[in-house]
Every structure is written in structure tokens, then in C-alpha cells.
Amino acid sequence: MPAVTVENPLTLPKVAASGDATARPVLAVTTALSGFEGEGFPVRRAFAGINYKYLDPFIMMDQMGEVEYQPGEPKGTPWHPHRGFETVTYLIDGTFVHQDSNGGGGTIQNGDTQWMTAGSGLLHIEAPPESLVVSGGLFHGLQLWVNLLKADKMMAPRYQDIRGGQVQLLASPDGGALLRVIAGELDGHEGPGITHTPITMIHATVRPGAEVTLPWREEFNGLAYVLAGRGTVGAEHRPVHMGQTAVFGAGSSLTVRADEKQDGNTPDLEVVLLGGRPIREPMAHYGPFVMNSQAELKQAFEDFQAGRLGTVPAVHGM
């Protein structure tokens, strides 16, 4: 799990919650459901079974892989539409190519992020490059969906290409945790992702036996998804392992600790920390569209069928 790392985290800016911070309790720990997406690549549905009031403004998150493809096996998604939200694709291992009908796109690998604001609507495709299909190889990443306010749902689409080297790197005071701030801010340190809905997205690597307690904006919700390894969350040390999501309650800090002994396939606890300001608006979600009402969903489908969300570039054909 290379993503972005440093040899000595003690050289990085340090982050820790203040002594008078209120610890967020752990309300629940859920286990992701396994399934398949697109043309058949394996995913874990990270937020399965969690009440939306604890997720808002996040809609869904898939852990893609971790899978070691044989030659000819790598798969992606066909061309498909989106409207009304943002997709965040964070690639940890492997390579993915994105293209959309608005002219956005590019190749991401090993710690890069593609941030696509669908807004009023577009078509896009995500696929492994031909070289990976031929050779096979490791593939592992995340895709997160972030809701937009009603006032922003019909904004013009936008694409951000965030290279792994652009993320803000921080550490816990003892260097036991490496924190990659992909979007939002942590204790005044800003990540590169520009968001319409205020959120924080962090990929943390916590060494065996290490613990980190981070300041967390009180108006944000708090979620921790375990990509790999095992440990505990919260001041109450609730156990978590790969494929589980911890839902935090109210407070101004959250705690993650790595077990002394990790799984054989990973040296550290790898966890994605998410927080966002709840939108608290009606949500109508069906397939690739996230709107505020059934009438708006119906309009989105009609616009897609009429070709008003864009057309597939001729180089790819239909």
C-alpha cells in the first residue's frame, strides 16, 4: 500500500488534539458488504447499513479491490452518467484512466486522486490502461460520493487532478501516525482538494501500537473506514478491522489506535478518516443521480436519455 509516504514522519508538522478536547464516542461499527461494480471489479460497500443522518454529506464509498489481477482480468466501468454530486476516486495501488464528456480526465496511480464535480451532469468512464490489462497487477483504491447543496446541484461540471505529491503530509507528535490530508483541513493544515461541500478526507497510516488523537471540527460528522489492518477507535478502544466503518458521535476529537500485532499482509493500520458539514436537505438518490426530489430524478433520467448530459467522444465509440 504505497500511496504517499516519507522515511521519517518526525520531520513533518505535528498534529494533536488539545488536552481539553471532548472525545467523540463510537456510536457503531459496521462491516462493509462485498459486491461487484462496473464491468465486474470487486468492491466493499463501506457505508452499508449506516443511517444516512450519520453519513450526510457523504452518500456512499466503495473500496475497490484490493485485488491482484491476472493478465487480461483488469476491469473498469462503461460510460455512464452522473448529476447532483461529486465523485472522489483515490487510487492507492495500480493505475486508472478517467475521461468525461466535459473534457476532464487523466491517469491516476499510487496516491493520486481524481475529483469530479458532476453538477448539472456529464458522462464519464473509468478503466485500467491497456498495459495493465495485458500485464495484470495490483489494484486498490476508493471511490467516495459527496452530496451537493440544492443550490449547487446544477452548477457546471468541474474536474480536479490531484497528484499524490500535492497532499498535505502531517504526523502525530511521536511520529507513530502519518496523515495524508487529501481534502479539507486538519488543525489549520489544508489539503489540495477544493470542495463545494465542506469536508475533510484523510488517509492515515498508524504503526503497530501507536495511537493518534486528532482535533475534529465539532460541526462535522466523523467516520473512520479501515482499509487494512486492525486496531481500536475512540477513547473506549472499540475494536475494528479491515472492511469496517466506525461512526463517531459528537465531540471535538477522535482517536485511532493500531494493534501491536497486525495482519500478515499489512505492516500497519490503514484508515480513511472522513468528516463533513451535514447538508440536511431532502435527498432523492437512484443509480447515478442524487437530487432533492423524485421529480428532479425523473428530469435527470429524461435529460440523460435525450443526450443533454453530454455525448461519448467519438474516439471511444458507443
C-alpha atoms as a PDB file:
ATOM      1  CA  MET A   1       0.000   0.000   0.000  1.00  0.00           C
ATOM      2  CA  PRO A   2       2.451   2.683  -1.164  1.00  0.00           C
ATOM      3  CA  ALA A   3       0.199   5.757  -1.656  1.00  0.00           C
ATOM      4  CA  VAL A   4       2.456   8.616  -0.470  1.00  0.00           C
ATOM      5  CA  THR A   5       4.890   8.124   2.368  1.00  0.00           C
ATOM      6  CA  VAL A   6       8.010   9.559   3.999  1.00  0.00           C
ATOM      7  CA  GLU A   7      11.006   7.838   5.557  1.00  0.00           C
ATOM      8  CA  ASN A   8      10.798   9.789   8.812  1.00  0.00           C
ATOM      9  CA  PRO A   9       7.372  11.193   9.853  1.00  0.00           C
ATOM     10  CA  LEU A  10       9.074  13.153  12.667  1.00  0.00           C
ATOM     11  CA  THR A  11      10.218  15.656  10.026  1.00  0.00           C
ATOM     12  CA  LEU A  12       6.592  16.589   9.284  1.00  0.00           C
ATOM     13  CA  PRO A  13       4.334  19.145  11.017  1.00  0.00           C
ATOM     14  CA  LYS A  14       2.749  17.599  14.136  1.00  0.00           C
ATOM     15  CA  VAL A  15      -0.966  17.482  14.876  1.00  0.00           C
ATOM     16  CA  ALA A  16      -2.680  16.525  18.129  1.00  0.00           C
ATOM     17  CA  ALA A  17      -5.917  17.386  19.885  1.00  0.00           C
ATOM     18  CA  SER A  18      -5.701  19.760  22.844  1.00  0.00           C
ATOM     19  CA  GLY A  19      -5.979  18.397  26.351  1.00  0.00           C
ATOM     20  CA  ASP A  20      -9.434  19.899  26.869  1.00  0.00           C
ATOM     21  CA  ALA A  21     -10.918  18.446  23.655  1.00  0.00           C
ATOM     22  CA  THR A  22     -14.103  16.396  24.034  1.00  0.00           C
ATOM     23  CA  ALA A  23     -13.574  12.826  22.850  1.00  0.00           C
ATOM     24  CA  ARG A  24     -16.092  11.624  20.280  1.00  0.00           C
ATOM     25  CA  PRO A  25     -17.769   8.378  21.358  1.00  0.00           C
ATOM     26  CA  VAL A  26     -18.136   5.476  18.936  1.00  0.00           C
ATOM     27  CA  LEU A  27     -21.827   5.063  18.108  1.00  0.00           C
ATOM     28  CA  ALA A  28     -21.487   1.994  15.897  1.00  0.00           C
ATOM     29  CA  VAL A  29     -19.085  -0.236  13.986  1.00  0.00           C
ATOM     30  CA  THR A  30     -20.417  -1.768  10.761  1.00  0.00           C
ATOM     31  CA  THR A  31     -18.948  -4.238   8.292  1.00  0.00           C
ATOM     32  CA  ALA A  32     -18.902  -3.499   4.564  1.00  0.00           C
ATOM     33  CA  LEU A  33     -20.832  -5.683   2.145  1.00  0.00           C
ATOM     34  CA  SER A  34     -18.893  -7.209  -0.745  1.00  0.00           C
ATOM     35  CA  GLY A  35     -20.088  -6.918  -4.326  1.00  0.00           C
ATOM     36  CA  PHE A  36     -19.104  -6.011  -7.868  1.00  0.00           C
ATOM     37  CA  GLU A  37     -19.241  -2.731  -9.782  1.00  0.00           C
ATOM     38  CA  GLY A  38     -18.879  -1.600 -13.386  1.00  0.00           C
ATOM     39  CA  GLU A  39     -17.658  -4.394 -15.635  1.00  0.00           C
ATOM     40  CA  GLY A  40     -17.104  -6.681 -12.663  1.00  0.00           C
ATOM     41  CA  PHE A  41     -14.377  -5.339 -10.375  1.00  0.00           C
ATOM     42  CA  PRO A  42     -14.768  -6.295  -6.691  1.00  0.00           C
ATOM     43  CA  VAL A  43     -15.822  -3.650  -4.165  1.00  0.00           C
ATOM     44  CA  ARG A  44     -16.633  -3.340  -0.471  1.00  0.00           C
ATOM     45  CA  ARG A  45     -19.629  -1.075   0.236  1.00  0.00           C
ATOM     46  CA  ALA A  46     -18.147   0.823   3.157  1.00  0.00           C
ATOM     47  CA  PHE A  47     -21.325   2.545   4.363  1.00  0.00           C
ATOM     48  CA  ALA A  48     -23.744  -0.395   4.108  1.00  0.00           C
ATOM     49  CA  GLY A  49     -26.215  -0.383   6.991  1.00  0.00           C
ATOM     50  CA  ILE A  50     -25.375   3.112   8.287  1.00  0.00           C
ATOM     51  CA  ASN A  51     -28.243   5.565   8.727  1.00  0.00           C
ATOM     52  CA  TYR A  52     -27.841   8.493   6.329  1.00  0.00           C
ATOM     53  CA  LYS A  53     -28.144  11.038   9.149  1.00  0.00           C
ATOM     54  CA  TYR A  54     -24.682   9.890  10.304  1.00  0.00           C
ATOM     55  CA  LEU A  55     -23.233   9.943   6.776  1.00  0.00           C
ATOM     56  CA  ASP A  56     -24.530  13.292   5.474  1.00  0.00           C
ATOM     57  CA  PRO A  57     -22.974  14.849   3.337  1.00  0.00           C
ATOM     58  CA  PHE A  58     -21.396  11.553   2.196  1.00  0.00           C
ATOM     59  CA  ILE A  59     -23.591   9.281   0.103  1.00  0.00           C
ATOM     60  CA  MET A  60     -21.563   6.118  -0.453  1.00  0.00           C
ATOM     61  CA  MET A  61     -17.991   4.853  -0.538  1.00  0.00           C
ATOM     62  CA  ASP A  62     -16.581   1.775  -2.269  1.00  0.00           C
ATOM     63  CA  GLN A  63     -13.245   0.192  -1.514  1.00  0.00           C
ATOM     64  CA  MET A  64     -12.144  -1.076  -4.933  1.00  0.00           C
ATOM     65  CA  GLY A  65     -10.025  -4.208  -4.501  1.00  0.00           C
ATOM     66  CA  GLU A  66      -7.506  -4.863  -3.016  1.00  0.00           C
ATOM     67  CA  VAL A  67      -7.088  -7.391  -5.838  1.00  0.00           C
ATOM     68  CA  GLU A  68      -4.140  -8.915  -7.702  1.00  0.00           C
ATOM     69  CA  TYR A  69      -5.298  -9.209 -11.313  1.00  0.00           C
ATOM     70  CA  GLN A  70      -4.005 -11.843 -13.676  1.00  0.00           C
ATOM     71  CA  PRO A  71      -3.247 -10.806 -17.304  1.00  0.00           C
ATOM     72  CA  GLY A  72      -6.495  -9.953 -19.088  1.00  0.00           C
ATOM     73  CA  GLU A  73      -8.516  -9.597 -15.875  1.00  0.00           C
ATOM     74  CA  PRO A  74      -8.416  -5.852 -15.003  1.00  0.00           C
ATOM     75  CA  LYS A  75     -11.823  -4.205 -15.373  1.00  0.00           C
ATOM     76  CA  GLY A  76     -13.345  -0.748 -15.133  1.00  0.00           C
ATOM     77  CA  THR A  77     -16.709   0.895 -15.776  1.00  0.00           C
ATOM     78  CA  PRO A  78     -18.514   1.574 -19.065  1.00  0.00           C
ATOM     79  CA  TRP A  79     -19.611   5.087 -19.975  1.00  0.00           C
ATOM     80  CA  HIS A  80     -22.292   6.212 -17.510  1.00  0.00           C
ATOM     81  CA  PRO A  81     -23.959   9.465 -16.358  1.00  0.00           C
ATOM     82  CA  HIS A  82     -23.900  11.438 -13.093  1.00  0.00           C
ATOM     83  CA  ARG A  83     -25.720  14.506 -11.815  1.00  0.00           C
ATOM     84  CA  GLY A  84     -26.054  16.322  -8.498  1.00  0.00           C
ATOM     85  CA  PHE A  85     -22.918  15.335  -6.542  1.00  0.00           C
ATOM     86  CA  GLU A  86     -19.135  14.881  -6.612  1.00  0.00           C
ATOM     87  CA  THR A  87     -17.114  11.680  -7.070  1.00  0.00           C
ATOM     88  CA  VAL A  88     -13.709  11.315  -5.428  1.00  0.00           C
ATOM     89  CA  THR A  89     -11.516   8.498  -6.759  1.00  0.00           C
ATOM     90  CA  TYR A  90      -8.416   7.858  -4.620  1.00  0.00           C
ATOM     91  CA  LEU A  91      -6.022   5.270  -6.013  1.00  0.00           C
ATOM     92  CA  ILE A  92      -3.615   3.567  -3.608  1.00  0.00           C
ATOM     93  CA  ASP A  93      -2.160   0.842  -5.849  1.00  0.00           C
ATOM     94  CA  GLY A  94      -2.380   0.386  -9.599  1.00  0.00           C
ATOM     95  CA  THR A  95      -3.465   2.692 -12.420  1.00  0.00           C
ATOM     96  CA  PHE A  96      -6.859   4.036 -13.524  1.00  0.00           C
ATOM     97  CA  VAL A  97      -7.743   6.206 -16.519  1.00  0.00           C
ATOM     98  CA  HIS A  98     -10.683   8.633 -16.359  1.00  0.00           C
ATOM     99  CA  GLN A  99     -12.393  10.539 -19.161  1.00  0.00           C
ATOM    100  CA  ASP A 100     -15.596  12.557 -19.139  1.00  0.00           C
ATOM    101  CA  SER A 101     -17.809  14.252 -21.716  1.00  0.00           C
ATOM    102  CA  ASN A 102     -16.891  17.671 -20.302  1.00  0.00           C
ATOM    103  CA  GLY A 103     -13.246  17.299 -21.360  1.00  0.00           C
ATOM    104  CA  GLY A 104     -11.902  16.306 -17.952  1.00  0.00           C
ATOM    105  CA  GLY A 105      -9.783  13.277 -17.274  1.00  0.00           C
ATOM    106  CA  GLY A 106      -6.375  11.791 -16.875  1.00  0.00           C
ATOM    107  CA  THR A 107      -4.432   8.915 -15.379  1.00  0.00           C
ATOM    108  CA  ILE A 108      -4.039   8.333 -11.654  1.00  0.00           C
ATOM    109  CA  GLN A 109      -1.809   5.934  -9.754  1.00  0.00           C
ATOM    110  CA  ASN A 110      -0.258   5.303  -6.324  1.00  0.00           C
ATOM    111  CA  GLY A 111      -1.707   8.074  -4.161  1.00  0.00           C
ATOM    112  CA  ASP A 112      -3.303  10.268  -6.850  1.00  0.00           C
ATOM    113  CA  THR A 113      -6.903  11.494  -6.629  1.00  0.00           C
ATOM    114  CA  GLN A 114      -9.456  12.438  -9.293  1.00  0.00           C
ATOM    115  CA  TRP A 115     -12.150  14.813  -8.041  1.00  0.00           C
ATOM    116  CA  MET A 116     -15.088  15.137 -10.411  1.00  0.00           C
ATOM    117  CA  THR A 117     -17.929  17.550  -9.741  1.00  0.00           C
ATOM    118  CA  ALA A 118     -20.784  16.162 -11.814  1.00  0.00           C
ATOM    119  CA  GLY A 119     -23.033  19.140 -11.043  1.00  0.00           C
ATOM    120  CA  SER A 120     -25.611  19.597 -13.818  1.00  0.00           C
ATOM    121  CA  GLY A 121     -24.498  16.349 -15.397  1.00  0.00           C
ATOM    122  CA  LEU A 122     -21.996  14.560 -17.615  1.00  0.00           C
ATOM    123  CA  LEU A 123     -20.949  11.153 -18.827  1.00  0.00           C
ATOM    124  CA  HIS A 124     -17.711   9.519 -17.715  1.00  0.00           C
ATOM    125  CA  ILE A 125     -15.714   6.314 -17.906  1.00  0.00           C
ATOM    126  CA  GLU A 126     -13.073   4.798 -15.624  1.00  0.00           C
ATOM    127  CA  ALA A 127     -10.893   1.955 -16.855  1.00  0.00           C
ATOM    128  CA  PRO A 128      -7.468   0.375 -16.396  1.00  0.00           C
ATOM    129  CA  PRO A 129      -4.934   1.286 -19.092  1.00  0.00           C
ATOM    130  CA  GLU A 130      -4.285  -1.260 -21.815  1.00  0.00           C
ATOM    131  CA  SER A 131      -0.834  -2.005 -20.357  1.00  0.00           C
ATOM    132  CA  LEU A 132      -2.393  -3.107 -17.039  1.00  0.00           C
ATOM    133  CA  VAL A 133      -4.990  -5.237 -18.812  1.00  0.00           C
ATOM    134  CA  VAL A 134      -2.182  -7.014 -20.680  1.00  0.00           C
ATOM    135  CA  SER A 135       0.149  -7.468 -17.708  1.00  0.00           C
ATOM    136  CA  GLY A 136      -2.247  -7.759 -14.783  1.00  0.00           C
ATOM    137  CA  GLY A 137      -1.165  -6.414 -11.403  1.00  0.00           C
ATOM    138  CA  LEU A 138      -2.307  -4.991  -8.087  1.00  0.00           C
ATOM    139  CA  PHE A 139      -5.314  -2.677  -7.972  1.00  0.00           C
ATOM    140  CA  HIS A 140      -6.634  -0.918  -4.862  1.00  0.00           C
ATOM    141  CA  GLY A 141      -8.481   2.340  -4.290  1.00  0.00           C
ATOM    142  CA  LEU A 142     -11.557   4.151  -3.043  1.00  0.00           C
ATOM    143  CA  GLN A 143     -14.436   5.991  -4.620  1.00  0.00           C
ATOM    144  CA  LEU A 144     -16.386   8.390  -2.416  1.00  0.00           C
ATOM    145  CA  TRP A 145     -19.592  10.235  -3.352  1.00  0.00           C
ATOM    146  CA  VAL A 146     -20.123  13.659  -1.762  1.00  0.00           C
ATOM    147  CA  ASN A 147     -23.517  15.354  -1.929  1.00  0.00           C
ATOM    148  CA  LEU A 148     -24.016  18.928  -3.126  1.00  0.00           C
ATOM    149  CA  LEU A 149     -26.335  21.553  -1.743  1.00  0.00           C
ATOM    150  CA  LYS A 150     -29.522  22.087  -3.734  1.00  0.00           C
ATOM    151  CA  ALA A 151     -28.119  25.469  -4.776  1.00  0.00           C
ATOM    152  CA  ASP A 152     -25.012  23.748  -6.270  1.00  0.00           C
ATOM    153  CA  LYS A 153     -26.538  20.664  -7.873  1.00  0.00           C
ATOM    154  CA  MET A 154     -26.908  22.250 -11.321  1.00  0.00           C
ATOM    155  CA  MET A 155     -23.539  24.015 -11.358  1.00  0.00           C
ATOM    156  CA  ALA A 156     -21.171  23.493 -14.288  1.00  0.00           C
ATOM    157  CA  PRO A 157     -19.150  20.255 -14.089  1.00  0.00           C
ATOM    158  CA  ARG A 158     -15.545  20.506 -12.882  1.00  0.00           C
ATOM    159  CA  TYR A 159     -12.566  18.154 -12.773  1.00  0.00           C
ATOM    160  CA  GLN A 160      -9.577  18.238 -10.402  1.00  0.00           C
ATOM    161  CA  ASP A 161      -6.455  16.152 -10.900  1.00  0.00           C
ATOM    162  CA  ILE A 162      -4.697  15.842  -7.510  1.00  0.00           C
ATOM    163  CA  ARG A 163      -1.269  14.235  -7.598  1.00  0.00           C
ATOM    164  CA  GLY A 164      -0.081  12.256  -4.612  1.00  0.00           C
ATOM    165  CA  GLY A 165       2.793  14.655  -4.093  1.00  0.00           C
ATOM    166  CA  GLN A 166       0.318  17.500  -3.555  1.00  0.00           C
ATOM    167  CA  VAL A 167      -1.351  16.071  -0.455  1.00  0.00           C
ATOM    168  CA  GLN A 168      -0.587  17.706   2.875  1.00  0.00           C
ATOM    169  CA  LEU A 169       1.548  15.358   4.983  1.00  0.00           C
ATOM    170  CA  LEU A 170       1.316  15.562   8.773  1.00  0.00           C
ATOM    171  CA  ALA A 171       2.275  13.341  11.700  1.00  0.00           C
ATOM    172  CA  SER A 172       1.282  12.573  15.252  1.00  0.00           C
ATOM    173  CA  PRO A 173       3.646  14.038  17.903  1.00  0.00           C
ATOM    174  CA  ASP A 174       5.555  10.747  18.320  1.00  0.00           C
ATOM    175  CA  GLY A 175       5.690  10.033  14.587  1.00  0.00           C
ATOM    176  CA  GLY A 176       3.610   6.879  15.004  1.00  0.00           C
ATOM    177  CA  ALA A 177       0.936   8.065  12.567  1.00  0.00           C
ATOM    178  CA  LEU A 178       1.382   9.516   9.073  1.00  0.00           C
ATOM    179  CA  LEU A 179      -1.580  11.643   7.969  1.00  0.00           C
ATOM    180  CA  ARG A 180      -2.292  12.457   4.321  1.00  0.00           C
ATOM    181  CA  VAL A 181      -4.785  15.334   4.073  1.00  0.00           C
ATOM    182  CA  ILE A 182      -6.411  14.919   0.666  1.00  0.00           C
ATOM    183  CA  ALA A 183      -9.189  17.497   1.060  1.00  0.00           C
ATOM    184  CA  GLY A 184     -10.358  19.994   3.634  1.00  0.00           C
ATOM    185  CA  GLU A 185      -8.214  20.912   6.602  1.00  0.00           C
ATOM    186  CA  LEU A 186      -6.840  19.425   9.801  1.00  0.00           C
ATOM    187  CA  ASP A 187      -5.794  21.783  12.573  1.00  0.00           C
ATOM    188  CA  GLY A 188      -5.263  24.571  10.032  1.00  0.00           C
ATOM    189  CA  HIS A 189      -3.340  22.454   7.514  1.00  0.00           C
ATOM    190  CA  GLU A 190      -5.111  22.483   4.147  1.00  0.00           C
ATOM    191  CA  GLY A 191      -5.328  19.618   1.687  1.00  0.00           C
ATOM    192  CA  PRO A 192      -5.317  20.234  -2.089  1.00  0.00           C
ATOM    193  CA  GLY A 193      -8.888  19.096  -2.873  1.00  0.00           C
ATOM    194  CA  ILE A 194     -11.277  22.003  -3.487  1.00  0.00           C
ATOM    195  CA  THR A 195     -14.727  21.092  -2.213  1.00  0.00           C
ATOM    196  CA  HIS A 196     -18.116  22.757  -2.536  1.00  0.00           C
ATOM    197  CA  THR A 197     -19.478  20.929   0.490  1.00  0.00           C
ATOM    198  CA  PRO A 198     -17.109  21.472   3.451  1.00  0.00           C
ATOM    199  CA  ILE A 199     -15.429  18.129   4.233  1.00  0.00           C
ATOM    200  CA  THR A 200     -12.163  16.648   5.492  1.00  0.00           C
ATOM    201  CA  MET A 201     -10.664  13.498   3.940  1.00  0.00           C
ATOM    202  CA  ILE A 202      -7.535  11.915   5.430  1.00  0.00           C
ATOM    203  CA  HIS A 203      -5.668   8.672   4.768  1.00  0.00           C
ATOM    204  CA  ALA A 204      -3.851   7.741   7.990  1.00  0.00           C
ATOM    205  CA  THR A 205      -1.172   5.075   8.424  1.00  0.00           C
ATOM    206  CA  VAL A 206      -0.776   4.129  12.092  1.00  0.00           C
ATOM    207  CA  ARG A 207       2.174   1.979  13.117  1.00  0.00           C
ATOM    208  CA  PRO A 208       1.653  -1.065  15.368  1.00  0.00           C
ATOM    209  CA  GLY A 209       0.955   0.017  18.939  1.00  0.00           C
ATOM    210  CA  ALA A 210       0.715   3.719  18.050  1.00  0.00           C
ATOM    211  CA  GLU A 211      -2.269   5.929  18.874  1.00  0.00           C
ATOM    212  CA  VAL A 212      -3.331   9.266  17.426  1.00  0.00           C
ATOM    213  CA  THR A 213      -5.947  11.678  18.775  1.00  0.00           C
ATOM    214  CA  LEU A 214      -6.853  14.362  16.265  1.00  0.00           C
ATOM    215  CA  PRO A 215      -8.765  17.615  16.634  1.00  0.00           C
ATOM    216  CA  TRP A 216     -12.056  17.360  14.739  1.00  0.00           C
ATOM    217  CA  ARG A 217     -14.421  20.181  13.795  1.00  0.00           C
ATOM    218  CA  GLU A 218     -17.444  19.973  16.068  1.00  0.00           C
ATOM    219  CA  GLU A 219     -19.913  20.869  13.309  1.00  0.00           C
ATOM    220  CA  PHE A 220     -18.646  17.926  11.190  1.00  0.00           C
ATOM    221  CA  ASN A 221     -19.692  14.315  11.460  1.00  0.00           C
ATOM    222  CA  GLY A 222     -16.946  11.715  11.922  1.00  0.00           C
ATOM    223  CA  LEU A 223     -16.302   8.380  10.170  1.00  0.00           C
ATOM    224  CA  ALA A 224     -13.323   6.022  10.089  1.00  0.00           C
ATOM    225  CA  TYR A 225     -13.054   3.261   7.474  1.00  0.00           C
ATOM    226  CA  VAL A 226     -10.362   0.586   7.838  1.00  0.00           C
ATOM    227  CA  LEU A 227      -8.593  -0.126   4.555  1.00  0.00           C
ATOM    228  CA  ALA A 228      -6.201  -2.659   6.063  1.00  0.00           C
ATOM    229  CA  GLY A 229      -5.059  -3.935   9.421  1.00  0.00           C
ATOM    230  CA  ARG A 230      -6.726  -3.895  12.809  1.00  0.00           C
ATOM    231  CA  GLY A 231      -6.924  -1.625  15.815  1.00  0.00           C
ATOM    232  CA  THR A 232      -9.341   0.307  18.002  1.00  0.00           C
ATOM    233  CA  VAL A 233     -11.284   3.566  17.726  1.00  0.00           C
ATOM    234  CA  GLY A 234     -12.500   6.041  20.290  1.00  0.00           C
ATOM    235  CA  ALA A 235     -11.409   6.591  23.876  1.00  0.00           C
ATOM    236  CA  GLU A 236     -13.304   3.373  24.678  1.00  0.00           C
ATOM    237  CA  HIS A 237     -10.983   1.401  22.346  1.00  0.00           C
ATOM    238  CA  ARG A 238     -13.694  -0.231  20.241  1.00  0.00           C
ATOM    239  CA  PRO A 239     -12.105  -2.972  18.065  1.00  0.00           C
ATOM    240  CA  VAL A 240     -12.117  -2.503  14.257  1.00  0.00           C
ATOM    241  CA  HIS A 241     -10.541  -4.384  11.365  1.00  0.00           C
ATOM    242  CA  MET A 242     -10.293  -4.262   7.562  1.00  0.00           C
ATOM    243  CA  GLY A 243     -13.611  -3.520   5.877  1.00  0.00           C
ATOM    244  CA  GLN A 244     -15.269  -1.939   8.914  1.00  0.00           C
ATOM    245  CA  THR A 245     -16.560   1.619   9.416  1.00  0.00           C
ATOM    246  CA  ALA A 246     -16.688   3.355  12.787  1.00  0.00           C
ATOM    247  CA  VAL A 247     -19.354   6.030  13.258  1.00  0.00           C
ATOM    248  CA  PHE A 248     -18.415   8.701  15.795  1.00  0.00           C
ATOM    249  CA  GLY A 249     -20.782  10.830  17.850  1.00  0.00           C
ATOM    250  CA  ALA A 250     -20.431  14.489  18.812  1.00  0.00           C
ATOM    251  CA  GLY A 251     -17.222  15.963  20.174  1.00  0.00           C
ATOM    252  CA  SER A 252     -14.041  17.813  19.213  1.00  0.00           C
ATOM    253  CA  SER A 253     -11.513  14.976  18.871  1.00  0.00           C
ATOM    254  CA  LEU A 254     -11.339  11.415  17.598  1.00  0.00           C
ATOM    255  CA  THR A 255      -8.906   8.635  18.468  1.00  0.00           C
ATOM    256  CA  VAL A 256      -7.487   5.748  16.417  1.00  0.00           C
ATOM    257  CA  ARG A 257      -5.052   3.142  17.734  1.00  0.00           C
ATOM    258  CA  ALA A 258      -3.264   0.324  15.885  1.00  0.00           C
ATOM    259  CA  ASP A 259      -2.971  -3.108  17.469  1.00  0.00           C
ATOM    260  CA  GLU A 260       0.521  -4.241  18.429  1.00  0.00           C
ATOM    261  CA  LYS A 261       0.182  -7.193  16.055  1.00  0.00           C
ATOM    262  CA  GLN A 262      -1.118  -6.636  12.524  1.00  0.00           C
ATOM    263  CA  ASP A 263      -2.299  -8.972   9.790  1.00  0.00           C
ATOM    264  CA  GLY A 264       0.345 -10.770   7.764  1.00  0.00           C
ATOM    265  CA  ASN A 265      -0.408  -8.837   4.567  1.00  0.00           C
ATOM    266  CA  THR A 266      -0.074  -5.349   6.061  1.00  0.00           C
ATOM    267  CA  PRO A 267       2.509  -3.881   8.451  1.00  0.00           C
ATOM    268  CA  ASP A 268       0.305  -1.018   9.681  1.00  0.00           C
ATOM    269  CA  LEU A 269      -3.266   0.047  10.335  1.00  0.00           C
ATOM    270  CA  GLU A 270      -4.538   1.923   7.268  1.00  0.00           C
ATOM    271  CA  VAL A 271      -7.649   4.023   7.837  1.00  0.00           C
ATOM    272  CA  VAL A 272      -9.569   6.730   5.969  1.00  0.00           C
ATOM    273  CA  LEU A 273     -10.998   9.458   8.201  1.00  0.00           C
ATOM    274  CA  LEU A 274     -13.947  11.467   6.892  1.00  0.00           C
ATOM    275  CA  GLY A 275     -15.832  14.439   8.250  1.00  0.00           C
ATOM    276  CA  GLY A 276     -18.260  16.861   6.679  1.00  0.00           C
ATOM    277  CA  ARG A 277     -20.826  19.514   7.451  1.00  0.00           C
ATOM    278  CA  PRO A 278     -24.263  17.878   7.120  1.00  0.00           C
ATOM    279  CA  ILE A 279     -26.412  19.332   4.343  1.00  0.00           C
ATOM    280  CA  ARG A 280     -29.731  18.374   5.978  1.00  0.00           C
ATOM    281  CA  GLU A 281     -31.778  18.719   2.794  1.00  0.00           C
ATOM    282  CA  PRO A 282     -34.166  16.179   1.277  1.00  0.00           C
ATOM    283  CA  MET A 283     -32.275  13.639  -0.831  1.00  0.00           C
ATOM    284  CA  ALA A 284     -33.582  11.551  -3.734  1.00  0.00           C
ATOM    285  CA  HIS A 285     -30.973   9.041  -4.890  1.00  0.00           C
ATOM    286  CA  TYR A 286     -31.330   6.473  -7.634  1.00  0.00           C
ATOM    287  CA  GLY A 287     -28.443   4.930  -9.528  1.00  0.00           C
ATOM    288  CA  PRO A 288     -26.111   7.621 -10.904  1.00  0.00           C
ATOM    289  CA  PHE A 289     -28.226  10.633  -9.884  1.00  0.00           C
ATOM    290  CA  VAL A 290     -28.517  12.368  -6.489  1.00  0.00           C
ATOM    291  CA  MET A 291     -31.168  15.091  -6.389  1.00  0.00           C
ATOM    292  CA  ASN A 292     -33.629  16.630  -3.902  1.00  0.00           C
ATOM    293  CA  SER A 293     -36.907  15.211  -5.214  1.00  0.00           C
ATOM    294  CA  GLN A 294     -38.381  12.422  -7.306  1.00  0.00           C
ATOM    295  CA  ALA A 295     -39.376  14.990  -9.928  1.00  0.00           C
ATOM    296  CA  GLU A 296     -35.727  16.087 -10.237  1.00  0.00           C
ATOM    297  CA  LEU A 297     -34.634  12.451 -10.544  1.00  0.00           C
ATOM    298  CA  LYS A 298     -37.161  11.927 -13.330  1.00  0.00           C
ATOM    299  CA  GLN A 299     -35.860  15.033 -15.085  1.00  0.00           C
ATOM    300  CA  ALA A 300     -32.269  13.770 -14.782  1.00  0.00           C
ATOM    301  CA  PHE A 301     -33.197  10.473 -16.467  1.00  0.00           C
ATOM    302  CA  GLU A 302     -35.071  12.325 -19.212  1.00  0.00           C
ATOM    303  CA  ASP A 303     -32.119  14.649 -19.788  1.00  0.00           C
ATOM    304  CA  PHE A 304     -29.747  11.678 -19.979  1.00  0.00           C
ATOM    305  CA  GLN A 305     -31.957   9.833 -22.458  1.00  0.00           C
ATOM    306  CA  ALA A 306     -32.249  12.976 -24.569  1.00  0.00           C
ATOM    307  CA  GLY A 307     -28.462  13.408 -24.702  1.00  0.00           C
ATOM    308  CA  ARG A 308     -28.447  16.593 -22.629  1.00  0.00           C
ATOM    309  CA  LEU A 309     -25.769  15.284 -20.214  1.00  0.00           C
ATOM    310  CA  GLY A 310     -23.175  15.109 -22.964  1.00  0.00           C
ATOM    311  CA  THR A 311     -22.084  12.603 -25.584  1.00  0.00           C
ATOM    312  CA  VAL A 312     -19.391   9.962 -25.646  1.00  0.00           C
ATOM    313  CA  PRO A 313     -16.305  11.233 -27.520  1.00  0.00           C
ATOM    314  CA  ALA A 314     -16.135   9.675 -30.969  1.00  0.00           C
ATOM    315  CA  VAL A 315     -12.706   8.124 -30.317  1.00  0.00           C
ATOM    316  CA  HIS A 316     -14.318   5.620 -27.955  1.00  0.00           C
ATOM    317  CA  GLY A 317     -17.480   4.917 -29.943  1.00  0.00           C
ATOM    318  CA  MET A 318     -20.722   3.921 -28.257  1.00  0.00           C
END
